[in-house]
Amino acid sequence: MAISKSLLSAWQGDHEFEPRRTGHERVTFLDSFLQRSARGAPARSEPQRRLELDALDGRYAEISLRFEADSGILWCHQQHRQRPCFSSALLTEVVDLQTRLQRAFAGADRRRLPLRYLVWASDTPGIYNLGGDLRLFTQLIRAGDGDGLFAYAKACIDICYRNSISLDLPILTVALIQGDALGGGFEAALSNDLLVAERGCQLGLPEVLFNMFPGMGAYSFLCRRLDGARAKEMILSGRLYAAEELHEMGLIDLLVPPGEGEAALREHLDRKAHQHGVHCALARVARRCQPVAYDELIEVTEVWVETALALTEADLRRMERLAAAQERRYARVAASAVPAPVSVAC
């Protein structure tokens, strides 16, 4: 219960989190929130609009930021200081960043906006993001804490939805996948305008292995990019897909050589820089013609919570085994990143 209260209080503060709303009230609530955010940074307030993007790095512990003014790229790298998943700390920092950018640049003229691309990546070798916090899930499920599960899931939904509408700004959101993206990590990547992956990466939705489904946007975003039949097939298979296969399916927009993701993406964006306006316009058209509604995401999340609370102890043990395997993998990665001690001969 303490974890739930902590997560709830974080969202009830700066981010006006409310755990339960029904029907179209949720869409109205989000619209009013975005309008209040815009009013918090009015168009006439030029100093507010000049958010110092290059000064944001160092503000956060779970994400590192680097702004390249010449290209308008804000690189946002997940640090995964706890585990390579969406920890509550990571969720809180990502939504804080989204809110700051949205409030600072709401209503800005695209031609004067310093920010053009928001790129999500990871600093953990071989891992983009392995999804939801399985340790937290098992704790909340055993406690029967549906509100805690909903609070966590809604935090994920809020991030993915705002990302999917490009923060309601004339920018493009990009997922740069240089390692495995599983479960919620794959869902988060799917919410971007552009998906870029290095060859050899694996992506998938393994939740069915413990009788769950990905409830934070996977089905909705897959239907936008593919269709309902293939979305259902991917979810029920639980298998991992190579980036090459997903590129052939049309899910990955740009496939690049291993270790060259950042350079290849920068070159691609530089080459397309003169078309930034039309790419932003087409992203808006896609959202209009194939919309993913906030209300839809929330209602799917409610089904996810109900399903989670009905899991058996055997399902939870399978979830814990998967969490342990992810932790062992992360420990090996972390150990390999530590420099070996230098021995001095006497």
Protein backbone atom coordinates (compact mmCIF):
# COMPACT_ATOMS: atom_id res chain seq x y z
CA MET A 1 0.00 0.00 0.00
CA ALA A 2 2.89 2.38 0.72
CA ILE A 3 4.10 2.07 -2.87
CA SER A 4 0.65 2.87 -4.19
CA LYS A 5 0.29 5.95 -1.99
CA SER A 6 3.71 7.18 -3.08
CA LEU A 7 2.85 6.82 -6.73
CA LEU A 8 -0.57 8.39 -6.24
CA SER A 9 0.82 11.38 -4.32
CA ALA A 10 3.43 12.04 -7.01
CA TRP A 11 0.72 12.29 -9.65
CA GLN A 12 -1.75 14.20 -7.49
CA GLY A 13 0.86 16.92 -7.13
CA ASP A 14 2.32 18.53 -10.23
CA HIS A 15 0.52 16.26 -12.67
CA GLU A 16 -3.02 16.46 -11.27
CA PHE A 17 -3.35 12.71 -11.15
CA GLU A 18 -6.80 11.28 -10.46
CA PRO A 19 -7.08 7.47 -10.25
CA ARG A 20 -10.63 7.01 -11.50
CA ARG A 21 -12.73 8.71 -14.16
CA THR A 22 -15.35 7.19 -16.35
CA GLY A 23 -16.41 7.49 -19.98
CA HIS A 24 -15.90 10.73 -21.82
CA GLU A 25 -15.01 12.49 -18.55
CA ARG A 26 -11.45 11.22 -19.03
CA VAL A 27 -11.11 12.81 -22.46
CA THR A 28 -12.61 16.06 -21.12
CA PHE A 29 -10.20 15.94 -18.21
CA LEU A 30 -7.18 15.49 -20.46
CA ASP A 31 -8.33 18.27 -22.78
CA SER A 32 -8.76 20.65 -19.87
CA PHE A 33 -5.35 19.64 -18.52
CA LEU A 34 -3.69 20.39 -21.85
CA GLN A 35 -5.49 23.73 -22.04
CA ARG A 36 -4.35 24.63 -18.53
CA SER A 37 -0.82 23.60 -19.49
CA ALA A 38 -1.00 25.89 -22.51
CA ARG A 39 -2.31 28.75 -20.39
CA GLY A 40 0.60 28.17 -18.04
CA ALA A 41 2.92 29.17 -20.92
CA PRO A 42 0.98 31.81 -22.89
CA ALA A 43 2.12 32.72 -26.38
CA ARG A 44 2.96 36.28 -25.32
CA SER A 45 5.40 35.05 -22.65
CA GLU A 46 8.59 34.86 -24.71
CA PRO A 47 10.95 34.20 -21.75
CA GLN A 48 8.82 31.16 -20.80
CA ARG A 49 8.95 29.94 -24.40
CA ARG A 50 12.74 30.05 -24.42
CA LEU A 51 13.14 27.00 -22.23
CA GLU A 52 16.86 26.32 -21.95
CA LEU A 53 16.86 22.87 -23.52
CA ASP A 54 20.60 22.48 -23.27
CA ALA A 55 20.42 23.14 -19.52
CA LEU A 56 18.00 20.29 -18.80
CA ASP A 57 20.72 17.65 -18.53
CA GLY A 58 21.56 16.92 -14.92
CA ARG A 59 18.04 17.68 -13.74
CA TYR A 60 17.02 14.02 -13.74
CA ALA A 61 18.49 10.81 -12.35
CA GLU A 62 16.69 8.24 -14.51
CA ILE A 63 17.10 10.02 -17.85
CA SER A 64 19.97 11.95 -19.39
CA LEU A 65 19.33 14.72 -21.90
CA ARG A 66 21.38 16.29 -24.66
CA PHE A 67 20.10 19.04 -26.94
CA GLU A 68 21.63 19.68 -30.36
CA ALA A 69 20.54 23.17 -31.32
CA ASP A 70 21.67 22.94 -34.95
CA SER A 71 19.37 20.01 -35.69
CA GLY A 72 16.73 20.63 -33.03
CA ILE A 73 17.17 17.12 -31.60
CA LEU A 74 16.60 16.51 -27.90
CA TRP A 75 18.18 13.14 -27.08
CA CYS A 76 16.53 11.51 -24.06
CA HIS A 77 18.38 8.42 -22.83
CA GLN A 78 16.93 6.11 -20.20
CA GLN A 79 19.53 5.41 -17.52
CA HIS A 80 17.87 2.39 -15.84
CA ARG A 81 19.62 2.96 -12.52
CA GLN A 82 17.31 0.53 -10.70
CA ARG A 83 16.22 -2.09 -13.23
CA PRO A 84 15.90 -1.94 -17.05
CA CYS A 85 12.13 -1.42 -16.88
CA PHE A 86 9.63 1.36 -16.33
CA SER A 87 10.23 1.97 -12.65
CA SER A 88 8.02 4.47 -10.84
CA ALA A 89 10.99 6.84 -10.70
CA LEU A 90 11.51 6.66 -14.47
CA LEU A 91 7.80 7.23 -15.13
CA THR A 92 7.76 10.29 -12.86
CA GLU A 93 10.77 11.87 -14.58
CA VAL A 94 9.51 11.21 -18.11
CA VAL A 95 6.15 12.82 -17.42
CA ASP A 96 7.89 15.77 -15.76
CA LEU A 97 9.98 16.31 -18.87
CA GLN A 98 6.93 16.00 -21.14
CA THR A 99 5.05 18.53 -19.02
CA ARG A 100 7.92 21.04 -19.05
CA LEU A 101 8.28 20.84 -22.82
CA GLN A 102 4.55 21.07 -23.39
CA ARG A 103 4.09 24.07 -21.12
CA ALA A 104 7.12 25.90 -22.46
CA PHE A 105 6.31 25.56 -26.17
CA ALA A 106 2.50 25.31 -26.33
CA GLY A 107 1.20 27.40 -29.21
CA ALA A 108 4.67 28.17 -30.58
CA ASP A 109 5.24 28.86 -34.26
CA ARG A 110 6.93 25.77 -35.75
CA ARG A 111 9.38 27.95 -37.67
CA ARG A 112 10.63 29.54 -34.42
CA LEU A 113 10.53 26.45 -32.23
CA PRO A 114 14.04 25.29 -31.26
CA LEU A 115 12.82 21.74 -30.66
CA ARG A 116 12.11 19.65 -33.76
CA TYR A 117 12.68 16.03 -32.67
CA LEU A 118 12.29 14.28 -29.31
CA VAL A 119 14.31 11.06 -29.40
CA TRP A 120 13.89 8.31 -26.80
CA ALA A 121 16.83 5.94 -26.40
CA SER A 122 18.70 3.98 -23.72
CA ASP A 123 22.21 4.07 -22.30
CA THR A 124 22.08 0.41 -21.21
CA PRO A 125 24.00 -1.75 -23.70
CA GLY A 126 21.77 -4.28 -25.42
CA ILE A 127 18.61 -3.11 -23.63
CA TYR A 128 16.11 -0.44 -24.66
CA ASN A 129 13.49 -1.22 -22.03
CA LEU A 130 12.22 -4.57 -20.76
CA GLY A 131 8.74 -3.30 -19.90
CA GLY A 132 6.65 -3.01 -16.77
CA ASP A 133 7.92 -3.33 -13.21
CA LEU A 134 7.12 -7.01 -12.64
CA ARG A 135 8.29 -6.95 -9.02
CA LEU A 136 5.85 -4.14 -8.29
CA PHE A 137 3.07 -5.92 -10.16
CA THR A 138 3.36 -9.11 -8.10
CA GLN A 139 3.40 -7.11 -4.87
CA LEU A 140 0.28 -5.13 -5.80
CA ILE A 141 -1.59 -8.17 -7.14
CA ARG A 142 -0.97 -10.21 -3.99
CA ALA A 143 -2.21 -7.26 -1.94
CA GLY A 144 -5.31 -6.97 -4.12
CA ASP A 145 -4.37 -3.35 -4.75
CA GLY A 146 -6.29 -2.50 -7.92
CA ASP A 147 -5.89 1.23 -7.35
CA GLY A 148 -2.11 0.83 -7.20
CA LEU A 149 -2.10 -1.14 -10.45
CA PHE A 150 -4.33 1.45 -12.10
CA ALA A 151 -2.13 4.31 -10.88
CA TYR A 152 0.95 2.69 -12.41
CA ALA A 153 -0.85 1.82 -15.66
CA LYS A 154 -2.35 5.29 -16.00
CA ALA A 155 1.10 6.84 -15.63
CA CYS A 156 2.23 4.69 -18.57
CA ILE A 157 -0.88 5.59 -20.57
CA ASP A 158 -0.43 9.30 -19.98
CA ILE A 159 3.17 9.13 -21.21
CA CYS A 160 2.36 7.04 -24.29
CA TYR A 161 -0.67 9.11 -25.24
CA ARG A 162 1.13 12.44 -24.96
CA ASN A 163 4.03 10.96 -26.88
CA SER A 164 1.67 9.68 -29.59
CA ILE A 165 0.31 13.20 -30.16
CA SER A 166 3.85 14.66 -30.14
CA LEU A 167 3.05 16.55 -26.92
CA ASP A 168 0.56 18.52 -29.03
CA LEU A 169 3.57 20.39 -30.45
CA PRO A 170 4.87 20.71 -34.05
CA ILE A 171 7.61 18.15 -33.41
CA LEU A 172 8.24 14.49 -34.24
CA THR A 173 8.80 11.82 -31.59
CA VAL A 174 11.33 9.09 -32.31
CA ALA A 175 12.22 5.75 -30.69
CA LEU A 176 15.87 4.82 -31.23
CA ILE A 177 16.06 1.13 -30.35
CA GLN A 178 19.61 -0.11 -29.85
CA GLY A 179 18.73 -3.06 -27.65
CA ASP A 180 15.84 -5.34 -26.78
CA ALA A 181 12.42 -3.74 -26.27
CA LEU A 182 9.93 -6.01 -24.53
CA GLY A 183 6.42 -5.57 -23.16
CA GLY A 184 5.88 -1.99 -22.07
CA GLY A 185 9.21 -1.05 -23.64
CA PHE A 186 7.86 -2.12 -27.03
CA GLU A 187 4.54 -0.38 -26.31
CA ALA A 188 6.31 2.87 -25.53
CA ALA A 189 8.34 2.63 -28.74
CA LEU A 190 5.17 2.07 -30.77
CA SER A 191 3.73 5.38 -29.54
CA ASN A 192 6.34 7.34 -31.52
CA ASP A 193 6.03 8.92 -34.95
CA LEU A 194 9.25 7.23 -36.12
CA LEU A 195 10.72 3.88 -35.07
CA VAL A 196 14.41 3.33 -35.72
CA ALA A 197 16.10 0.06 -34.73
CA GLU A 198 19.54 -1.45 -35.06
CA ARG A 199 19.84 -4.86 -36.71
CA GLY A 200 19.96 -7.69 -34.21
CA CYS A 201 17.60 -6.12 -31.66
CA GLN A 202 14.64 -8.16 -30.46
CA LEU A 203 11.18 -6.77 -29.78
CA GLY A 204 8.10 -8.53 -28.46
CA LEU A 205 5.19 -8.80 -26.06
CA PRO A 206 5.81 -11.73 -23.67
CA GLU A 207 2.94 -11.01 -21.23
CA VAL A 208 0.92 -14.03 -22.40
CA LEU A 209 3.57 -16.25 -20.79
CA PHE A 210 2.03 -15.41 -17.40
CA ASN A 211 -1.57 -15.15 -18.67
CA MET A 212 -1.56 -11.38 -19.12
CA PHE A 213 -1.71 -9.06 -22.11
CA PRO A 214 0.08 -5.76 -22.76
CA GLY A 215 -2.45 -3.22 -21.47
CA MET A 216 -0.76 0.15 -21.97
CA GLY A 217 -1.40 0.74 -25.66
CA ALA A 218 0.10 -2.18 -27.59
CA TYR A 219 -3.12 -3.33 -29.26
CA SER A 220 -4.18 0.22 -30.15
CA PHE A 221 -0.81 1.26 -31.56
CA LEU A 222 -0.32 -2.02 -33.44
CA CYS A 223 -3.75 -1.62 -35.03
CA ARG A 224 -2.75 1.84 -36.18
CA ARG A 225 0.40 0.53 -37.85
CA LEU A 226 -0.83 -2.94 -38.91
CA ASP A 227 -4.33 -4.34 -38.36
CA GLY A 228 -6.34 -6.02 -35.64
CA ALA A 229 -5.65 -9.59 -36.79
CA ARG A 230 -1.88 -9.19 -36.82
CA ALA A 231 -1.95 -7.21 -33.56
CA LYS A 232 -3.81 -10.08 -31.87
CA GLU A 233 -1.42 -12.63 -33.37
CA MET A 234 1.64 -10.78 -32.05
CA ILE A 235 0.15 -10.45 -28.57
CA LEU A 236 -1.00 -14.07 -28.26
CA SER A 237 2.20 -15.55 -29.67
CA GLY A 238 4.38 -14.06 -26.93
CA ARG A 239 7.33 -14.48 -29.26
CA LEU A 240 10.27 -12.18 -29.81
CA TYR A 241 10.67 -10.64 -33.25
CA ALA A 242 13.94 -9.62 -34.85
CA ALA A 243 14.11 -5.97 -35.86
CA GLU A 244 14.66 -7.13 -39.45
CA GLU A 245 11.33 -8.99 -39.47
CA LEU A 246 9.43 -6.05 -38.01
CA HIS A 247 11.00 -3.79 -40.63
CA GLU A 248 9.63 -6.06 -43.36
CA MET A 249 6.20 -5.89 -41.69
CA GLY A 250 6.33 -2.10 -41.70
CA LEU A 251 6.53 -1.64 -37.92
CA ILE A 252 10.15 -0.45 -37.98
CA ASP A 253 10.57 2.61 -40.19
CA LEU A 254 14.35 2.69 -40.39
CA LEU A 255 16.72 -0.27 -39.94
CA VAL A 256 20.36 0.62 -39.29
CA PRO A 257 23.63 -1.26 -38.65
CA PRO A 258 24.50 -2.31 -35.08
CA GLY A 259 26.28 0.38 -33.09
CA GLU A 260 25.46 3.08 -35.64
CA GLY A 261 21.96 3.99 -34.48
CA GLU A 262 22.57 7.54 -33.33
CA ALA A 263 24.76 8.51 -36.26
CA ALA A 264 22.38 6.90 -38.76
CA LEU A 265 19.36 8.62 -37.23
CA ARG A 266 21.10 12.00 -37.20
CA GLU A 267 22.06 11.57 -40.86
CA HIS A 268 18.47 10.57 -41.72
CA LEU A 269 16.98 13.57 -39.93
CA ASP A 270 19.50 15.94 -41.51
CA ARG A 271 18.62 14.58 -44.93
CA LYS A 272 14.90 15.09 -44.26
CA ALA A 273 15.24 18.42 -42.43
CA HIS A 274 13.77 20.43 -45.29
CA GLN A 275 10.63 18.26 -45.10
CA HIS A 276 10.09 18.64 -41.36
CA GLY A 277 6.92 20.66 -41.85
CA VAL A 278 5.23 18.15 -44.13
CA HIS A 279 6.25 15.23 -41.89
CA CYS A 280 4.63 16.98 -38.92
CA ALA A 281 1.53 17.62 -41.03
CA LEU A 282 1.31 13.98 -42.11
CA ALA A 283 1.68 12.86 -38.49
CA ARG A 284 -1.35 15.02 -37.65
CA VAL A 285 -3.25 13.54 -40.59
CA ALA A 286 -2.43 10.00 -39.43
CA ARG A 287 -3.71 10.81 -35.95
CA ARG A 288 -6.91 12.19 -37.45
CA CYS A 289 -7.52 9.27 -39.82
CA GLN A 290 -6.32 6.51 -37.46
CA PRO A 291 -6.81 8.01 -34.00
CA VAL A 292 -5.81 6.36 -30.74
CA ALA A 293 -8.14 7.96 -28.21
CA TYR A 294 -7.14 8.54 -24.60
CA ASP A 295 -10.49 7.16 -23.46
CA GLU A 296 -9.80 3.96 -25.41
CA LEU A 297 -6.42 3.51 -23.73
CA ILE A 298 -7.89 4.02 -20.27
CA GLU A 299 -10.70 1.53 -20.83
CA VAL A 300 -8.20 -1.09 -22.04
CA THR A 301 -6.15 -0.42 -18.92
CA GLU A 302 -9.18 -1.10 -16.74
CA VAL A 303 -9.50 -4.54 -18.38
CA TRP A 304 -5.77 -5.04 -17.75
CA VAL A 305 -6.22 -4.34 -14.02
CA GLU A 306 -9.16 -6.76 -13.78
CA THR A 307 -7.14 -9.45 -15.56
CA ALA A 308 -4.10 -8.88 -13.33
CA LEU A 309 -6.12 -9.22 -10.12
CA ALA A 310 -7.45 -12.59 -11.34
CA LEU A 311 -3.99 -14.14 -11.86
CA THR A 312 -3.17 -17.30 -9.96
CA GLU A 313 -0.21 -17.84 -7.69
CA ALA A 314 1.36 -19.97 -10.44
CA ASP A 315 1.05 -17.03 -12.84
CA LEU A 316 2.71 -14.73 -10.32
CA ARG A 317 5.59 -17.16 -9.83
CA ARG A 318 6.14 -17.22 -13.60
CA MET A 319 6.16 -13.42 -13.54
CA GLU A 320 8.74 -13.46 -10.75
CA ARG A 321 10.95 -15.92 -12.65
CA LEU A 322 10.90 -13.60 -15.65
CA ALA A 323 11.74 -10.62 -13.41
CA ALA A 324 14.64 -12.56 -11.90
CA ALA A 325 15.96 -13.45 -15.36
CA GLN A 326 15.81 -9.79 -16.38
CA GLU A 327 17.64 -8.77 -13.21
CA ARG A 328 20.40 -11.32 -13.80
CA ARG A 329 20.81 -10.06 -17.34
CA TYR A 330 20.99 -6.46 -16.13
CA ALA A 331 23.56 -7.42 -13.49
CA ARG A 332 25.78 -8.96 -16.17
CA VAL A 333 25.48 -5.82 -18.30
CA ALA A 334 26.26 -3.58 -15.33
CA ALA A 335 29.25 -5.72 -14.33
CA SER A 336 30.70 -5.62 -17.83
CA ALA A 337 30.46 -1.82 -17.80
CA VAL A 338 32.59 -1.51 -14.64
CA PRO A 339 36.30 -1.01 -15.47
CA ALA A 340 38.55 -3.77 -14.21
CA PRO A 341 40.87 -2.75 -11.34
CA VAL A 342 44.36 -1.79 -12.37
CA SER A 343 47.10 -3.90 -10.77
CA VAL A 344 50.43 -2.25 -10.10
CA ALA A 345 53.55 -4.42 -10.08
CA CYS A 346 55.87 -3.82 -7.17
